[in-house]
C-alpha atoms as a PDB file:
ATOM      1  CA  MET A   1      17.667 -24.967  -4.378  1.00  0.00           C
ATOM      2  CA  VAL A   2      14.270 -25.847  -5.873  1.00  0.00           C
ATOM      3  CA  ASP A   3      10.879 -24.174  -5.589  1.00  0.00           C
ATOM      4  CA  GLU A   4       7.593 -25.595  -4.329  1.00  0.00           C
ATOM      5  CA  GLU A   5       7.024 -27.218  -7.730  1.00  0.00           C
ATOM      6  CA  GLY A   6      10.363 -29.004  -7.692  1.00  0.00           C
ATOM      7  CA  VAL A   7      12.045 -26.724 -10.232  1.00  0.00           C
ATOM      8  CA  VAL A   8      15.563 -25.376  -9.696  1.00  0.00           C
ATOM      9  CA  ARG A   9      15.485 -21.764  -8.470  1.00  0.00           C
ATOM     10  CA  ILE A  10      17.538 -18.830  -9.708  1.00  0.00           C
ATOM     11  CA  GLY A  11      19.320 -17.167  -6.818  1.00  0.00           C
ATOM     12  CA  SER A  12      21.088 -14.515  -8.874  1.00  0.00           C
ATOM     13  CA  VAL A  13      21.853 -13.606 -12.473  1.00  0.00           C
ATOM     14  CA  VAL A  14      25.099 -12.239 -13.878  1.00  0.00           C
ATOM     15  CA  PHE A  15      24.298  -9.809 -16.702  1.00  0.00           C
ATOM     16  CA  ALA A  16      27.327  -8.783 -18.783  1.00  0.00           C
ATOM     17  CA  LEU A  17      26.703  -6.448 -21.724  1.00  0.00           C
ATOM     18  CA  ILE A  18      29.979  -5.916 -23.578  1.00  0.00           C
ATOM     19  CA  ARG A  19      31.043  -3.891 -26.628  1.00  0.00           C
ATOM     20  CA  PRO A  20      34.205  -5.185 -28.356  1.00  0.00           C
ATOM     21  CA  THR A  21      36.592  -2.488 -29.532  1.00  0.00           C
ATOM     22  CA  PRO A  22      35.991  -1.880 -33.279  1.00  0.00           C
ATOM     23  CA  GLY A  23      38.366  -3.990 -35.293  1.00  0.00           C
ATOM     24  CA  HIS A  24      38.725  -6.580 -32.524  1.00  0.00           C
ATOM     25  CA  GLU A  25      35.329  -8.282 -32.758  1.00  0.00           C
ATOM     26  CA  LEU A  26      36.572 -11.652 -34.018  1.00  0.00           C
ATOM     27  CA  ALA A  27      39.400 -11.833 -31.509  1.00  0.00           C
ATOM     28  CA  PHE A  28      37.017 -10.940 -28.685  1.00  0.00           C
ATOM     29  CA  ASN A  29      34.541 -13.616 -29.726  1.00  0.00           C
ATOM     30  CA  HIS A  30      37.254 -16.284 -29.804  1.00  0.00           C
ATOM     31  CA  TRP A  31      38.648 -15.263 -26.419  1.00  0.00           C
ATOM     32  CA  TYR A  32      35.298 -15.039 -24.688  1.00  0.00           C
ATOM     33  CA  GLU A  33      33.797 -18.288 -25.961  1.00  0.00           C
ATOM     34  CA  ARG A  34      36.953 -20.377 -25.679  1.00  0.00           C
ATOM     35  CA  ASP A  35      38.353 -19.043 -22.418  1.00  0.00           C
ATOM     36  CA  HIS A  36      36.523 -16.490 -20.291  1.00  0.00           C
ATOM     37  CA  TYR A  37      32.982 -17.857 -20.679  1.00  0.00           C
ATOM     38  CA  TYR A  38      34.048 -21.191 -19.243  1.00  0.00           C
ATOM     39  CA  THR A  39      37.015 -20.514 -16.969  1.00  0.00           C
ATOM     40  CA  THR A  40      35.557 -17.497 -15.168  1.00  0.00           C
ATOM     41  CA  GLY A  41      31.812 -17.919 -15.691  1.00  0.00           C
ATOM     42  CA  LEU A  42      30.421 -21.390 -16.257  1.00  0.00           C
ATOM     43  CA  ALA A  43      32.980 -23.102 -14.001  1.00  0.00           C
ATOM     44  CA  ALA A  44      32.146 -20.858 -11.022  1.00  0.00           C
ATOM     45  CA  PRO A  45      30.469 -22.389  -7.945  1.00  0.00           C
ATOM     46  CA  GLY A  46      26.683 -22.386  -8.204  1.00  0.00           C
ATOM     47  CA  VAL A  47      26.454 -21.466 -11.899  1.00  0.00           C
ATOM     48  CA  PHE A  48      23.992 -23.969 -13.349  1.00  0.00           C
ATOM     49  CA  SER A  49      23.138 -22.403 -16.706  1.00  0.00           C
ATOM     50  CA  ALA A  50      24.613 -19.803 -19.046  1.00  0.00           C
ATOM     51  CA  GLY A  51      24.206 -18.317 -22.494  1.00  0.00           C
ATOM     52  CA  ARG A  52      25.769 -15.901 -24.956  1.00  0.00           C
ATOM     53  CA  PHE A  53      23.886 -13.520 -27.217  1.00  0.00           C
ATOM     54  CA  VAL A  54      24.667 -10.795 -29.736  1.00  0.00           C
ATOM     55  CA  GLN A  55      22.662  -7.778 -30.854  1.00  0.00           C
ATOM     56  CA  PRO A  56      22.423  -7.699 -34.667  1.00  0.00           C
ATOM     57  CA  GLY A  57      23.579  -4.392 -36.052  1.00  0.00           C
ATOM     58  CA  THR A  58      25.571  -3.183 -33.060  1.00  0.00           C
ATOM     59  CA  GLY A  59      27.537  -6.353 -32.393  1.00  0.00           C
ATOM     60  CA  TRP A  60      27.108  -5.880 -28.645  1.00  0.00           C
ATOM     61  CA  HIS A  61      27.601  -9.113 -26.740  1.00  0.00           C
ATOM     62  CA  LEU A  62      25.493 -10.242 -23.809  1.00  0.00           C
ATOM     63  CA  ALA A  63      26.438 -13.071 -21.460  1.00  0.00           C
ATOM     64  CA  LEU A  64      23.993 -14.390 -18.857  1.00  0.00           C
ATOM     65  CA  TYR A  65      24.791 -16.733 -15.996  1.00  0.00           C
ATOM     66  CA  PHE A  66      22.141 -18.250 -13.708  1.00  0.00           C
ATOM     67  CA  VAL A  67      23.422 -18.896 -10.170  1.00  0.00           C
ATOM     68  CA  LEU A  68      21.887 -21.115  -7.481  1.00  0.00           C
ATOM     69  CA  PRO A  69      20.604 -19.465  -4.284  1.00  0.00           C
ATOM     70  CA  GLY A  70      23.276 -18.786  -1.694  1.00  0.00           C
ATOM     71  CA  HIS A  71      26.217 -19.118  -4.078  1.00  0.00           C
ATOM     72  CA  ASP A  72      26.824 -15.560  -5.272  1.00  0.00           C
ATOM     73  CA  ASP A  73      29.619 -14.816  -2.786  1.00  0.00           C
ATOM     74  CA  ALA A  74      31.447 -17.999  -3.766  1.00  0.00           C
ATOM     75  CA  ARG A  75      30.933 -17.174  -7.427  1.00  0.00           C
ATOM     76  CA  VAL A  76      32.378 -13.681  -6.959  1.00  0.00           C
ATOM     77  CA  ALA A  77      35.406 -15.036  -5.102  1.00  0.00           C
ATOM     78  CA  PHE A  78      36.036 -17.650  -7.799  1.00  0.00           C
ATOM     79  CA  ALA A  79      35.638 -15.161 -10.670  1.00  0.00           C
ATOM     80  CA  THR A  80      38.002 -12.702  -8.980  1.00  0.00           C
ATOM     81  CA  GLN A  81      40.612 -15.434  -8.548  1.00  0.00           C
ATOM     82  CA  GLN A  82      40.265 -16.532 -12.168  1.00  0.00           C
ATOM     83  CA  VAL A  83      40.643 -12.974 -13.480  1.00  0.00           C
ATOM     84  CA  GLU A  84      43.787 -12.514 -11.400  1.00  0.00           C
ATOM     85  CA  LEU A  85      45.146 -15.785 -12.791  1.00  0.00           C
ATOM     86  CA  ALA A  86      44.321 -14.744 -16.356  1.00  0.00           C
ATOM     87  CA  VAL A  87      46.198 -11.473 -15.826  1.00  0.00           C
ATOM     88  CA  GLU A  88      49.221 -13.367 -14.499  1.00  0.00           C
ATOM     89  CA  GLU A  89      49.124 -15.684 -17.520  1.00  0.00           C
ATOM     90  CA  ASP A  90      48.578 -12.805 -19.960  1.00  0.00           C
ATOM     91  CA  ARG A  91      45.190 -14.229 -21.018  1.00  0.00           C
ATOM     92  CA  MET A  92      42.971 -11.201 -20.420  1.00  0.00           C
ATOM     93  CA  PHE A  93      41.469  -9.471 -23.445  1.00  0.00           C
ATOM     94  CA  THR A  94      41.501  -5.707 -22.990  1.00  0.00           C
ATOM     95  CA  GLU A  95      39.940  -4.584 -26.273  1.00  0.00           C
ATOM     96  CA  ARG A  96      36.406  -4.463 -24.886  1.00  0.00           C
ATOM     97  CA  GLU A  97      34.114  -2.184 -22.898  1.00  0.00           C
ATOM     98  CA  HIS A  98      31.743  -3.404 -20.207  1.00  0.00           C
ATOM     99  CA  LEU A  99      28.607  -1.368 -20.907  1.00  0.00           C
ATOM    100  CA  HIS A 100      26.555  -2.855 -18.106  1.00  0.00           C
ATOM    101  CA  THR A 101      27.843  -5.702 -15.945  1.00  0.00           C
ATOM    102  CA  TRP A 102      25.890  -6.388 -12.773  1.00  0.00           C
ATOM    103  CA  SER A 103      24.602  -9.147 -10.529  1.00  0.00           C
ATOM    104  CA  TYR A 104      20.823  -9.233 -10.238  1.00  0.00           C
ATOM    105  CA  VAL A 105      18.204 -11.194  -8.325  1.00  0.00           C
ATOM    106  CA  PRO A 106      14.804 -12.189  -9.737  1.00  0.00           C
ATOM    107  CA  ASP A 107      11.936  -9.933  -8.679  1.00  0.00           C
ATOM    108  CA  ASP A 108       9.259 -11.553 -10.828  1.00  0.00           C
ATOM    109  CA  ALA A 109       9.074 -14.335 -13.373  1.00  0.00           C
ATOM    110  CA  GLN A 110       6.672 -16.112 -15.675  1.00  0.00           C
ATOM    111  CA  PRO A 111       7.033 -19.367 -17.611  1.00  0.00           C
ATOM    112  CA  GLY A 112       6.932 -19.625 -21.367  1.00  0.00           C
ATOM    113  CA  GLY A 113       4.142 -21.552 -23.052  1.00  0.00           C
ATOM    114  CA  VAL A 114       5.051 -24.628 -25.066  1.00  0.00           C
ATOM    115  CA  THR A 115       2.352 -26.765 -26.670  1.00  0.00           C
ATOM    116  CA  GLY A 116       1.947 -30.096 -24.900  1.00  0.00           C
ATOM    117  CA  THR A 117       3.807 -29.048 -21.759  1.00  0.00           C
ATOM    118  CA  ASP A 118       3.190 -27.004 -18.628  1.00  0.00           C
ATOM    119  CA  GLY A 119       5.531 -24.315 -19.898  1.00  0.00           C
ATOM    120  CA  VAL A 120       9.239 -23.530 -19.727  1.00  0.00           C
ATOM    121  CA  PRO A 121      10.223 -22.449 -16.188  1.00  0.00           C
ATOM    122  CA  PRO A 122      12.359 -19.285 -16.214  1.00  0.00           C
ATOM    123  CA  ALA A 123      15.311 -21.195 -14.707  1.00  0.00           C
ATOM    124  CA  LEU A 124      15.342 -23.385 -17.830  1.00  0.00           C
ATOM    125  CA  ALA A 125      15.132 -20.479 -20.294  1.00  0.00           C
ATOM    126  CA  LEU A 126      18.809 -20.476 -21.286  1.00  0.00           C
ATOM    127  CA  ASP A 127      18.850 -24.232 -21.839  1.00  0.00           C
ATOM    128  CA  HIS A 128      15.627 -24.113 -23.862  1.00  0.00           C
ATOM    129  CA  ARG A 129      17.606 -22.194 -26.511  1.00  0.00           C
ATOM    130  CA  TYR A 130      15.017 -19.637 -27.501  1.00  0.00           C
ATOM    131  CA  SER A 131      15.628 -17.987 -30.870  1.00  0.00           C
ATOM    132  CA  ALA A 132      15.571 -14.427 -29.513  1.00  0.00           C
ATOM    133  CA  LEU A 133      15.840 -12.404 -26.324  1.00  0.00           C
ATOM    134  CA  ASP A 134      14.453  -8.929 -25.695  1.00  0.00           C
ATOM    135  CA  VAL A 135      16.207  -6.929 -22.976  1.00  0.00           C
ATOM    136  CA  THR A 136      14.664  -3.817 -21.451  1.00  0.00           C
ATOM    137  CA  ILE A 137      16.191  -1.617 -18.762  1.00  0.00           C
ATOM    138  CA  HIS A 138      13.754   0.367 -16.635  1.00  0.00           C
ATOM    139  CA  ASP A 139      14.154   3.084 -14.026  1.00  0.00           C
ATOM    140  CA  SER A 140      10.970   1.913 -12.387  1.00  0.00           C
ATOM    141  CA  PRO A 141      10.925  -0.587  -9.483  1.00  0.00           C
ATOM    142  CA  ASP A 142       7.785  -2.326 -10.766  1.00  0.00           C
ATOM    143  CA  PRO A 143       7.776  -2.753 -14.570  1.00  0.00           C
ATOM    144  CA  VAL A 144       5.155  -5.072 -16.009  1.00  0.00           C
ATOM    145  CA  LEU A 145       6.441  -8.270 -17.573  1.00  0.00           C
ATOM    146  CA  PRO A 146       5.586  -8.173 -21.284  1.00  0.00           C
ATOM    147  CA  SER A 147       3.322 -10.680 -22.992  1.00  0.00           C
ATOM    148  CA  SER A 148       5.628 -13.255 -24.559  1.00  0.00           C
ATOM    149  CA  ASP A 149       5.615 -16.738 -26.037  1.00  0.00           C
ATOM    150  CA  GLY A 150       8.668 -17.490 -23.902  1.00  0.00           C
ATOM    151  CA  ALA A 151       9.815 -17.270 -20.314  1.00  0.00           C
ATOM    152  CA  SER A 152      10.340 -13.815 -18.796  1.00  0.00           C
ATOM    153  CA  LEU A 153      12.262 -12.470 -15.827  1.00  0.00           C
ATOM    154  CA  CYS A 154      12.293  -9.149 -14.011  1.00  0.00           C
ATOM    155  CA  LEU A 155      15.612  -8.552 -12.245  1.00  0.00           C
ATOM    156  CA  ARG A 156      16.586  -6.097  -9.503  1.00  0.00           C
ATOM    157  CA  PRO A 157      20.203  -5.093  -8.858  1.00  0.00           C
ATOM    158  CA  LEU A 158      22.336  -6.947  -6.352  1.00  0.00           C
ATOM    159  CA  ALA A 159      25.848  -5.624  -7.019  1.00  0.00           C
ATOM    160  CA  ARG A 160      27.805  -3.812  -9.695  1.00  0.00           C
ATOM    161  CA  ILE A 161      30.564  -5.993 -11.140  1.00  0.00           C
ATOM    162  CA  MET A 162      32.285  -3.618 -13.557  1.00  0.00           C
ATOM    163  CA  PRO A 163      32.182   0.205 -13.680  1.00  0.00           C
ATOM    164  CA  SER A 164      30.749   1.795 -16.805  1.00  0.00           C
ATOM    165  CA  ASP A 165      30.108   5.314 -18.048  1.00  0.00           C
ATOM    166  CA  TRP A 166      27.248   3.870 -20.113  1.00  0.00           C
ATOM    167  CA  ASP A 167      25.254   3.365 -16.913  1.00  0.00           C
ATOM    168  CA  GLY A 168      25.091   7.128 -16.390  1.00  0.00           C
ATOM    169  CA  ASP A 169      23.640   8.522 -13.168  1.00  0.00           C
ATOM    170  CA  ILE A 170      20.740   6.080 -12.899  1.00  0.00           C
ATOM    171  CA  ASP A 171      19.885   5.107  -9.327  1.00  0.00           C
ATOM    172  CA  PRO A 172      20.532   1.348  -9.169  1.00  0.00           C
ATOM    173  CA  VAL A 173      17.997   0.928  -6.364  1.00  0.00           C
ATOM    174  CA  THR A 174      15.106   1.606  -8.729  1.00  0.00           C
ATOM    175  CA  ARG A 175      16.597  -0.032 -11.830  1.00  0.00           C
ATOM    176  CA  ARG A 176      15.019  -3.191 -13.180  1.00  0.00           C
ATOM    177  CA  VAL A 177      16.097  -5.333 -16.117  1.00  0.00           C
ATOM    178  CA  VAL A 178      13.470  -7.391 -17.932  1.00  0.00           C
ATOM    179  CA  LEU A 179      14.487 -10.439 -19.960  1.00  0.00           C
ATOM    180  CA  SER A 180      11.853 -11.698 -22.368  1.00  0.00           C
ATOM    181  CA  PHE A 181      12.675 -14.849 -24.322  1.00  0.00           C
ATOM    182  CA  HIS A 182      10.998 -15.653 -27.656  1.00  0.00           C
ATOM    183  CA  ASP A 183      10.632 -18.410 -30.204  1.00  0.00           C
ATOM    184  CA  GLY A 184      10.334 -16.519 -33.453  1.00  0.00           C
ATOM    185  CA  ALA A 185       8.044 -13.747 -32.216  1.00  0.00           C
ATOM    186  CA  ALA A 186       8.324 -10.317 -33.807  1.00  0.00           C
ATOM    187  CA  SER A 187      10.081  -7.629 -31.815  1.00  0.00           C
ATOM    188  CA  THR A 188       7.707  -5.470 -29.791  1.00  0.00           C
ATOM    189  CA  PRO A 189       8.067  -1.716 -29.132  1.00  0.00           C
ATOM    190  CA  ALA A 190       9.836  -0.811 -25.904  1.00  0.00           C
ATOM    191  CA  PRO A 191       7.579   0.342 -23.031  1.00  0.00           C
ATOM    192  CA  ASP A 192       7.347   4.083 -22.415  1.00  0.00           C
ATOM    193  CA  ASP A 193       9.258   3.823 -19.126  1.00  0.00           C
ATOM    194  CA  ALA A 194      12.202   1.963 -20.661  1.00  0.00           C
ATOM    195  CA  VAL A 195      15.535   3.778 -20.714  1.00  0.00           C
ATOM    196  CA  TRP A 196      17.071   1.220 -23.066  1.00  0.00           C
ATOM    197  CA  SER A 197      15.960  -1.869 -24.966  1.00  0.00           C
ATOM    198  CA  GLY A 198      17.396  -4.238 -27.530  1.00  0.00           C
ATOM    199  CA  ARG A 199      16.813  -7.581 -29.209  1.00  0.00           C
ATOM    200  CA  PHE A 200      19.495 -10.257 -29.088  1.00  0.00           C
ATOM    201  CA  VAL A 201      19.984 -13.600 -30.795  1.00  0.00           C
ATOM    202  CA  PRO A 202      21.954 -16.562 -29.406  1.00  0.00           C
ATOM    203  CA  MET A 203      25.557 -17.002 -30.432  1.00  0.00           C
ATOM    204  CA  ALA A 204      26.502 -20.041 -32.509  1.00  0.00           C
ATOM    205  CA  PHE A 205      29.401 -21.467 -30.514  1.00  0.00           C
ATOM    206  CA  GLY A 206      32.469 -22.432 -32.484  1.00  0.00           C
ATOM    207  CA  THR A 207      31.582 -20.085 -35.346  1.00  0.00           C
ATOM    208  CA  ASP A 208      31.711 -16.381 -36.154  1.00  0.00           C
ATOM    209  CA  THR A 209      28.246 -16.480 -37.728  1.00  0.00           C
ATOM    210  CA  HIS A 210      26.770 -13.612 -35.723  1.00  0.00           C
ATOM    211  CA  VAL A 211      29.884 -11.518 -35.174  1.00  0.00           C
ATOM    212  CA  VAL A 212      29.387  -7.957 -36.434  1.00  0.00           C
ATOM    213  CA  THR A 213      32.552  -6.299 -37.751  1.00  0.00           C
END
């Protein structure tokens, strides 16, 4: 559960990039933050950290869940059960599109530098509450982690959770997703081998501050 330095390890990461149906952004935000985020995500076995982000301009929502090693099967079983229950109770929100929802495992990682400390371990990145997150999707199995003032992770695919036309015909075996957290750093140009990139900011829970309509 912890690495050689005594820091909790990330076994897998749930990456859920979602586009609310136009006109339903506020309703989606309320449903996700007050129901689905907790009942299906954060409450799942092995999930030890989570966060919600939004991309300014597009209004795309990103949810990340960090899962302890060896718990992904239990998490999947729990999430499946909770979705079935939500359907039975008429609590599912259908006005949304899953653009890219996968389970990943860390391939590479680097801590973020913080003055007066030994850095922010990647497993603590969501709880550190960085002010921004850059996401880059590569079709290369060995992208270089970008220089960042925050923690970074390179993720390789474990399993597809939701089908999506947005994914196209990309071979998931070679796909990598890079998460680069920042504290106020300016956005950097996407690498040449990136097939998609975007900057996200954390959601303010209990408000609609960042909801794009």
